[in-house]
Amino acid sequence: MLEIRDLNVHYGAIHALKGISLTVGDGELVSLIGANGAGKTTTLHTISGLLRATSGSITLDGADLQKVPANTIINLGLAHVPEGRHVFASMTVEENLKMGAYTLRDAKRVAANMEKVYGHFPRLQERRRQLAGTLSGGEQQMLATGRALMTDPKMVLMDEPSMGLSPILVKEIFKIIRELHESGITILLVEQNAKMALSVSDRAYVLETGSISMEGPAAQLAEDDRVRKAYLGA
């Protein structure tokens, strides 16, 4: 579904991504793990058009994403759950979800998608009239994820969904990620909590200072001594 080949990205003189290549197949959950500053968020921002690559290619079902304006990439079936959630604090939960469907013109489809989101996140339905800024961190992460699902995307990019959450909420968020994957949604997950990320993923890539250093089945990487020492606290 997603194919990245020899991708280079610069911030001025800084070479942030150095010829990385990765793929995500239809229905897969693939994780990108690594330390702060490794280039994980830069990768997602480049895929979704928020940054432009210096060179290399990014295709989604054969479509060249680098030729598509960032504000219309969603029409190709790609949704992005950003780091830090970024919900609209002064709007209700339901209004936030409707903002996720702003490209849809069919009111019945919007209503159906909202019911589907509420099926994944019953707590959002309970709080649908509540201002998003008054939700807990975990609930805001659910809302940001639900908002991304409002257009029935083919693929979802998730950036650090566990950031700032308590251990109990981290487990709850990853339970939801696993359920979304099992429902058939394709996911590229960026996550600093490597242990949790590998536990839910089919495959994973390790990003170090802008380069892919390792890749393979998630279970295999979780047992690799280099990964265990660097990212799993072993």
C-alpha atoms as a PDB file:
ATOM      1  CA  MET A   1       0.000   0.000   0.000  1.00  0.00           C
ATOM      2  CA  LEU A   2       2.670   2.515   1.086  1.00  0.00           C
ATOM      3  CA  GLU A   3       6.111   2.433  -0.504  1.00  0.00           C
ATOM      4  CA  ILE A   4       8.994   4.765   0.348  1.00  0.00           C
ATOM      5  CA  ARG A   5      12.175   4.527  -1.672  1.00  0.00           C
ATOM      6  CA  ASP A   6      15.526   6.262  -1.007  1.00  0.00           C
ATOM      7  CA  LEU A   7      13.879   9.197   0.793  1.00  0.00           C
ATOM      8  CA  ASN A   8      16.052  12.182   1.698  1.00  0.00           C
ATOM      9  CA  VAL A   9      14.827  15.178   3.687  1.00  0.00           C
ATOM     10  CA  HIS A  10      16.777  18.261   4.734  1.00  0.00           C
ATOM     11  CA  TYR A  11      16.125  21.053   7.215  1.00  0.00           C
ATOM     12  CA  GLY A  12      18.432  23.595   5.655  1.00  0.00           C
ATOM     13  CA  ALA A  13      21.917  22.140   6.025  1.00  0.00           C
ATOM     14  CA  ILE A  14      20.701  19.344   8.318  1.00  0.00           C
ATOM     15  CA  HIS A  15      20.253  15.989   6.578  1.00  0.00           C
ATOM     16  CA  ALA A  16      17.290  14.655   8.582  1.00  0.00           C
ATOM     17  CA  LEU A  17      16.413  11.536   6.563  1.00  0.00           C
ATOM     18  CA  LYS A  18      19.231   9.779   4.721  1.00  0.00           C
ATOM     19  CA  GLY A  19      17.910   7.603   1.933  1.00  0.00           C
ATOM     20  CA  ILE A  20      15.385   5.597   3.941  1.00  0.00           C
ATOM     21  CA  SER A  21      13.188   2.936   2.326  1.00  0.00           C
ATOM     22  CA  LEU A  22      10.210   1.176   3.874  1.00  0.00           C
ATOM     23  CA  THR A  23       6.934  -0.463   2.911  1.00  0.00           C
ATOM     24  CA  VAL A  24       3.575  -1.006   4.602  1.00  0.00           C
ATOM     25  CA  GLY A  25       1.325  -3.658   3.102  1.00  0.00           C
ATOM     26  CA  ASP A  26      -2.455  -3.581   2.972  1.00  0.00           C
ATOM     27  CA  GLY A  27      -3.811  -4.398   6.429  1.00  0.00           C
ATOM     28  CA  GLU A  28      -0.411  -4.349   8.135  1.00  0.00           C
ATOM     29  CA  LEU A  29       0.554  -2.610  11.350  1.00  0.00           C
ATOM     30  CA  VAL A  30       4.159  -1.480  10.961  1.00  0.00           C
ATOM     31  CA  SER A  31       6.103   0.386  13.635  1.00  0.00           C
ATOM     32  CA  LEU A  32       8.934   2.863  13.277  1.00  0.00           C
ATOM     33  CA  ILE A  33      10.924   3.008  16.499  1.00  0.00           C
ATOM     34  CA  GLY A  34      13.964   4.988  17.536  1.00  0.00           C
ATOM     35  CA  ALA A  35      15.287   7.602  19.927  1.00  0.00           C
ATOM     36  CA  ASN A  36      14.273  11.259  20.045  1.00  0.00           C
ATOM     37  CA  GLY A  37      15.648  13.097  17.034  1.00  0.00           C
ATOM     38  CA  ALA A  38      16.015   9.949  14.930  1.00  0.00           C
ATOM     39  CA  GLY A  39      13.653  11.282  12.250  1.00  0.00           C
ATOM     40  CA  LYS A  40      10.438   9.403  13.057  1.00  0.00           C
ATOM     41  CA  THR A  41       8.089  12.398  13.064  1.00  0.00           C
ATOM     42  CA  THR A  42       9.899  13.863  10.052  1.00  0.00           C
ATOM     43  CA  THR A  43       9.090  10.655   8.185  1.00  0.00           C
ATOM     44  CA  LEU A  44       5.368  10.939   8.937  1.00  0.00           C
ATOM     45  CA  HIS A  45       5.287  14.655   8.118  1.00  0.00           C
ATOM     46  CA  THR A  46       6.928  13.949   4.763  1.00  0.00           C
ATOM     47  CA  ILE A  47       4.466  11.159   3.952  1.00  0.00           C
ATOM     48  CA  SER A  48       1.480  13.398   4.718  1.00  0.00           C
ATOM     49  CA  GLY A  49       2.880  16.344   2.757  1.00  0.00           C
ATOM     50  CA  LEU A  50       3.682  18.657   5.658  1.00  0.00           C
ATOM     51  CA  LEU A  51       7.333  18.482   4.592  1.00  0.00           C
ATOM     52  CA  ARG A  52       8.750  18.076   1.101  1.00  0.00           C
ATOM     53  CA  ALA A  53      11.498  15.572   0.391  1.00  0.00           C
ATOM     54  CA  THR A  54      14.807  16.554  -1.177  1.00  0.00           C
ATOM     55  CA  SER A  55      14.746  13.350  -3.218  1.00  0.00           C
ATOM     56  CA  GLY A  56      13.266   9.884  -3.281  1.00  0.00           C
ATOM     57  CA  SER A  57       9.707   8.641  -3.770  1.00  0.00           C
ATOM     58  CA  ILE A  58       6.560   8.087  -1.689  1.00  0.00           C
ATOM     59  CA  THR A  59       3.627   6.231  -3.225  1.00  0.00           C
ATOM     60  CA  LEU A  60       0.259   5.197  -1.801  1.00  0.00           C
ATOM     61  CA  ASP A  61      -1.489   2.570  -3.913  1.00  0.00           C
ATOM     62  CA  GLY A  62       0.609   3.763  -6.828  1.00  0.00           C
ATOM     63  CA  ALA A  63      -0.193   7.485  -6.377  1.00  0.00           C
ATOM     64  CA  ASP A  64       2.835   9.783  -6.068  1.00  0.00           C
ATOM     65  CA  LEU A  65       2.197  11.629  -2.790  1.00  0.00           C
ATOM     66  CA  GLN A  66       4.867  14.217  -3.535  1.00  0.00           C
ATOM     67  CA  LYS A  67       2.757  15.523  -6.397  1.00  0.00           C
ATOM     68  CA  VAL A  68      -0.349  15.913  -4.221  1.00  0.00           C
ATOM     69  CA  PRO A  69      -0.975  19.064  -2.102  1.00  0.00           C
ATOM     70  CA  ALA A  70      -0.968  18.308   1.625  1.00  0.00           C
ATOM     71  CA  ASN A  71      -4.565  19.492   2.038  1.00  0.00           C
ATOM     72  CA  THR A  72      -5.855  16.963  -0.506  1.00  0.00           C
ATOM     73  CA  ILE A  73      -3.802  13.890   0.458  1.00  0.00           C
ATOM     74  CA  ILE A  74      -6.677  12.851   2.734  1.00  0.00           C
ATOM     75  CA  ASN A  75      -8.756  12.307  -0.413  1.00  0.00           C
ATOM     76  CA  LEU A  76      -6.372   9.474  -1.361  1.00  0.00           C
ATOM     77  CA  GLY A  77      -7.239   7.633   1.854  1.00  0.00           C
ATOM     78  CA  LEU A  78      -4.414   8.721   4.157  1.00  0.00           C
ATOM     79  CA  ALA A  79      -5.112  10.081   7.650  1.00  0.00           C
ATOM     80  CA  HIS A  80      -2.614  11.426  10.200  1.00  0.00           C
ATOM     81  CA  VAL A  81      -2.945  11.381  14.005  1.00  0.00           C
ATOM     82  CA  PRO A  82      -0.331  13.970  15.018  1.00  0.00           C
ATOM     83  CA  GLU A  83       2.019  13.955  17.954  1.00  0.00           C
ATOM     84  CA  GLY A  84       0.472  15.878  20.840  1.00  0.00           C
ATOM     85  CA  ARG A  85      -3.116  15.141  19.720  1.00  0.00           C
ATOM     86  CA  HIS A  86      -4.006  18.741  18.724  1.00  0.00           C
ATOM     87  CA  VAL A  87      -7.735  18.540  19.337  1.00  0.00           C
ATOM     88  CA  PHE A  88      -9.870  21.678  19.016  1.00  0.00           C
ATOM     89  CA  ALA A  89     -10.136  22.457  22.718  1.00  0.00           C
ATOM     90  CA  SER A  90     -13.056  24.918  22.548  1.00  0.00           C
ATOM     91  CA  MET A  91     -15.183  22.596  20.412  1.00  0.00           C
ATOM     92  CA  THR A  92     -17.181  19.583  21.574  1.00  0.00           C
ATOM     93  CA  VAL A  93     -16.152  16.002  20.949  1.00  0.00           C
ATOM     94  CA  GLU A  94     -18.786  15.673  18.236  1.00  0.00           C
ATOM     95  CA  GLU A  95     -17.718  18.917  16.568  1.00  0.00           C
ATOM     96  CA  ASN A  96     -14.108  17.681  16.531  1.00  0.00           C
ATOM     97  CA  LEU A  97     -15.206  14.473  14.831  1.00  0.00           C
ATOM     98  CA  LYS A  98     -17.175  16.404  12.232  1.00  0.00           C
ATOM     99  CA  MET A  99     -14.054  18.447  11.500  1.00  0.00           C
ATOM    100  CA  GLY A 100     -12.355  15.170  10.620  1.00  0.00           C
ATOM    101  CA  ALA A 101     -15.001  14.640   7.942  1.00  0.00           C
ATOM    102  CA  TYR A 102     -14.769  18.119   6.427  1.00  0.00           C
ATOM    103  CA  THR A 103     -13.985  16.699   2.966  1.00  0.00           C
ATOM    104  CA  LEU A 104     -17.164  14.605   2.881  1.00  0.00           C
ATOM    105  CA  ARG A 105     -20.305  16.043   1.320  1.00  0.00           C
ATOM    106  CA  ASP A 106     -22.630  13.124   2.121  1.00  0.00           C
ATOM    107  CA  ALA A 107     -24.344  13.749   5.486  1.00  0.00           C
ATOM    108  CA  LYS A 108     -25.446  10.111   5.730  1.00  0.00           C
ATOM    109  CA  ARG A 109     -21.871   8.925   5.293  1.00  0.00           C
ATOM    110  CA  VAL A 110     -20.659  11.344   7.958  1.00  0.00           C
ATOM    111  CA  ALA A 111     -23.321  10.060  10.369  1.00  0.00           C
ATOM    112  CA  ALA A 112     -22.444   6.439   9.582  1.00  0.00           C
ATOM    113  CA  ASN A 113     -18.737   7.081  10.090  1.00  0.00           C
ATOM    114  CA  MET A 114     -19.435   8.799  13.402  1.00  0.00           C
ATOM    115  CA  GLU A 115     -21.392   5.772  14.608  1.00  0.00           C
ATOM    116  CA  LYS A 116     -18.462   3.584  13.581  1.00  0.00           C
ATOM    117  CA  VAL A 117     -16.060   5.803  15.541  1.00  0.00           C
ATOM    118  CA  TYR A 118     -18.344   5.662  18.570  1.00  0.00           C
ATOM    119  CA  GLY A 119     -18.290   1.881  18.213  1.00  0.00           C
ATOM    120  CA  HIS A 120     -14.494   1.939  18.534  1.00  0.00           C
ATOM    121  CA  PHE A 121     -14.570   4.575  21.298  1.00  0.00           C
ATOM    122  CA  PRO A 122     -17.735   4.325  23.463  1.00  0.00           C
ATOM    123  CA  ARG A 123     -16.280   6.870  25.867  1.00  0.00           C
ATOM    124  CA  LEU A 124     -16.355   9.511  23.146  1.00  0.00           C
ATOM    125  CA  GLN A 125     -20.050   8.895  22.632  1.00  0.00           C
ATOM    126  CA  GLU A 126     -20.625   9.364  26.363  1.00  0.00           C
ATOM    127  CA  ARG A 127     -18.784  12.696  26.172  1.00  0.00           C
ATOM    128  CA  ARG A 128     -19.943  13.826  22.732  1.00  0.00           C
ATOM    129  CA  ARG A 129     -21.317  17.133  24.090  1.00  0.00           C
ATOM    130  CA  GLN A 130     -18.259  17.794  26.272  1.00  0.00           C
ATOM    131  CA  LEU A 131     -15.597  20.343  25.290  1.00  0.00           C
ATOM    132  CA  ALA A 132     -12.527  18.553  23.993  1.00  0.00           C
ATOM    133  CA  GLY A 133     -10.219  20.668  26.145  1.00  0.00           C
ATOM    134  CA  THR A 134     -11.783  19.213  29.301  1.00  0.00           C
ATOM    135  CA  LEU A 135     -11.052  15.597  28.353  1.00  0.00           C
ATOM    136  CA  SER A 136      -8.245  13.596  29.919  1.00  0.00           C
ATOM    137  CA  GLY A 137      -5.068  12.982  27.920  1.00  0.00           C
ATOM    138  CA  GLY A 138      -6.161   9.469  27.054  1.00  0.00           C
ATOM    139  CA  GLU A 139      -9.584  10.652  25.933  1.00  0.00           C
ATOM    140  CA  GLN A 140      -8.009  13.351  23.786  1.00  0.00           C
ATOM    141  CA  GLN A 141      -5.857  10.670  22.133  1.00  0.00           C
ATOM    142  CA  MET A 142      -9.009   8.660  21.438  1.00  0.00           C
ATOM    143  CA  LEU A 143     -10.605  11.779  19.967  1.00  0.00           C
ATOM    144  CA  ALA A 144      -7.607  12.544  17.739  1.00  0.00           C
ATOM    145  CA  THR A 145      -7.659   8.955  16.502  1.00  0.00           C
ATOM    146  CA  GLY A 146     -11.426   8.976  15.994  1.00  0.00           C
ATOM    147  CA  ARG A 147     -11.190  12.231  14.058  1.00  0.00           C
ATOM    148  CA  ALA A 148      -8.673  10.606  11.706  1.00  0.00           C
ATOM    149  CA  LEU A 149     -11.058   7.701  11.108  1.00  0.00           C
ATOM    150  CA  MET A 150     -13.973   9.909  10.056  1.00  0.00           C
ATOM    151  CA  THR A 151     -13.214   9.561   6.326  1.00  0.00           C
ATOM    152  CA  ASP A 152     -12.760   5.759   6.325  1.00  0.00           C
ATOM    153  CA  PRO A 153      -9.050   6.062   5.470  1.00  0.00           C
ATOM    154  CA  LYS A 154      -7.128   3.260   3.801  1.00  0.00           C
ATOM    155  CA  MET A 155      -4.195   3.991   6.057  1.00  0.00           C
ATOM    156  CA  VAL A 156      -3.564   5.850   9.319  1.00  0.00           C
ATOM    157  CA  LEU A 157      -0.273   7.409  10.426  1.00  0.00           C
ATOM    158  CA  MET A 158      -0.033   7.521  14.234  1.00  0.00           C
ATOM    159  CA  ASP A 159       2.630   9.659  15.901  1.00  0.00           C
ATOM    160  CA  GLU A 160       3.557   8.892  19.536  1.00  0.00           C
ATOM    161  CA  PRO A 161       0.037   7.963  20.753  1.00  0.00           C
ATOM    162  CA  SER A 162       1.320   7.051  24.235  1.00  0.00           C
ATOM    163  CA  MET A 163       3.137  10.352  24.841  1.00  0.00           C
ATOM    164  CA  GLY A 164       2.355  11.880  28.236  1.00  0.00           C
ATOM    165  CA  LEU A 165      -0.070   9.147  29.296  1.00  0.00           C
ATOM    166  CA  SER A 166      -0.042   7.102  32.492  1.00  0.00           C
ATOM    167  CA  PRO A 167       0.928   3.402  32.222  1.00  0.00           C
ATOM    168  CA  ILE A 168      -2.736   2.375  32.587  1.00  0.00           C
ATOM    169  CA  LEU A 169      -3.825   4.675  29.768  1.00  0.00           C
ATOM    170  CA  VAL A 170      -0.911   3.539  27.590  1.00  0.00           C
ATOM    171  CA  LYS A 171      -2.221  -0.035  27.854  1.00  0.00           C
ATOM    172  CA  GLU A 172      -5.723   1.158  26.977  1.00  0.00           C
ATOM    173  CA  ILE A 173      -4.522   3.114  23.924  1.00  0.00           C
ATOM    174  CA  PHE A 174      -2.520   0.146  22.655  1.00  0.00           C
ATOM    175  CA  LYS A 175      -5.516  -2.128  23.172  1.00  0.00           C
ATOM    176  CA  ILE A 176      -7.453   0.224  20.884  1.00  0.00           C
ATOM    177  CA  ILE A 177      -4.605   0.260  18.315  1.00  0.00           C
ATOM    178  CA  ARG A 178      -4.647  -3.543  18.291  1.00  0.00           C
ATOM    179  CA  GLU A 179      -8.431  -3.544  17.785  1.00  0.00           C
ATOM    180  CA  LEU A 180      -8.174  -1.056  14.906  1.00  0.00           C
ATOM    181  CA  HIS A 181      -5.554  -3.262  13.267  1.00  0.00           C
ATOM    182  CA  GLU A 182      -7.721  -6.351  13.730  1.00  0.00           C
ATOM    183  CA  SER A 183     -10.615  -4.509  12.072  1.00  0.00           C
ATOM    184  CA  GLY A 184      -8.504  -4.255   8.905  1.00  0.00           C
ATOM    185  CA  ILE A 185      -7.110  -0.718   9.156  1.00  0.00           C
ATOM    186  CA  THR A 186      -3.553  -0.291   7.837  1.00  0.00           C
ATOM    187  CA  ILE A 187      -1.341   1.569  10.335  1.00  0.00           C
ATOM    188  CA  LEU A 188       2.144   3.069  10.351  1.00  0.00           C
ATOM    189  CA  LEU A 189       2.949   3.679  14.007  1.00  0.00           C
ATOM    190  CA  VAL A 190       5.712   5.955  15.285  1.00  0.00           C
ATOM    191  CA  GLU A 191       6.322   5.272  18.945  1.00  0.00           C
ATOM    192  CA  GLN A 192       9.089   5.791  21.470  1.00  0.00           C
ATOM    193  CA  ASN A 193       7.669   3.065  23.719  1.00  0.00           C
ATOM    194  CA  ALA A 194       9.349   0.359  21.668  1.00  0.00           C
ATOM    195  CA  LYS A 195       8.163  -2.513  23.856  1.00  0.00           C
ATOM    196  CA  MET A 196       4.491  -1.659  23.395  1.00  0.00           C
ATOM    197  CA  ALA A 197       4.924  -0.842  19.714  1.00  0.00           C
ATOM    198  CA  LEU A 198       6.605  -4.153  18.936  1.00  0.00           C
ATOM    199  CA  SER A 199       3.977  -6.060  20.921  1.00  0.00           C
ATOM    200  CA  VAL A 200       1.175  -4.958  18.559  1.00  0.00           C
ATOM    201  CA  SER A 201       3.039  -4.769  15.238  1.00  0.00           C
ATOM    202  CA  ASP A 202       3.486  -7.172  12.366  1.00  0.00           C
ATOM    203  CA  ARG A 203       6.814  -5.688  11.301  1.00  0.00           C
ATOM    204  CA  ALA A 204       9.049  -2.839  12.429  1.00  0.00           C
ATOM    205  CA  TYR A 205      11.888  -0.591  11.344  1.00  0.00           C
ATOM    206  CA  VAL A 206      14.530   0.927  13.622  1.00  0.00           C
ATOM    207  CA  LEU A 207      15.485   4.499  12.704  1.00  0.00           C
ATOM    208  CA  GLU A 208      18.807   5.893  13.969  1.00  0.00           C
ATOM    209  CA  THR A 209      19.942   9.440  13.144  1.00  0.00           C
ATOM    210  CA  GLY A 210      17.977   9.516   9.915  1.00  0.00           C
ATOM    211  CA  SER A 211      18.844   6.035   8.627  1.00  0.00           C
ATOM    212  CA  ILE A 212      17.129   2.648   8.852  1.00  0.00           C
ATOM    213  CA  SER A 213      19.477   0.466  10.875  1.00  0.00           C
ATOM    214  CA  MET A 214      17.313  -2.647  11.291  1.00  0.00           C
ATOM    215  CA  GLU A 215      14.050  -4.069  10.000  1.00  0.00           C
ATOM    216  CA  GLY A 216      12.097  -7.291  10.272  1.00  0.00           C
ATOM    217  CA  PRO A 217       9.198  -9.068  11.990  1.00  0.00           C
ATOM    218  CA  ALA A 218       8.308  -7.232  15.208  1.00  0.00           C
ATOM    219  CA  ALA A 219       8.598 -10.357  17.363  1.00  0.00           C
ATOM    220  CA  GLN A 220      12.055 -11.041  15.959  1.00  0.00           C
ATOM    221  CA  LEU A 221      13.276  -7.490  16.614  1.00  0.00           C
ATOM    222  CA  ALA A 222      11.901  -7.651  20.171  1.00  0.00           C
ATOM    223  CA  GLU A 223      14.284 -10.563  20.828  1.00  0.00           C
ATOM    224  CA  ASP A 224      17.302  -8.956  19.147  1.00  0.00           C
ATOM    225  CA  ASP A 225      19.962  -8.054  21.717  1.00  0.00           C
ATOM    226  CA  ARG A 226      20.772  -4.747  20.025  1.00  0.00           C
ATOM    227  CA  VAL A 227      17.146  -3.637  20.156  1.00  0.00           C
ATOM    228  CA  ARG A 228      16.684  -4.923  23.687  1.00  0.00           C
ATOM    229  CA  LYS A 229      19.715  -3.007  24.957  1.00  0.00           C
ATOM    230  CA  ALA A 230      18.988   0.216  23.080  1.00  0.00           C
ATOM    231  CA  TYR A 231      15.182   0.458  23.338  1.00  0.00           C
ATOM    232  CA  LEU A 232      13.734  -2.155  25.670  1.00  0.00           C
ATOM    233  CA  GLY A 233      15.793  -1.511  28.794  1.00  0.00           C
ATOM    234  CA  ALA A 234      17.350  -4.982  28.781  1.00  0.00           C
END
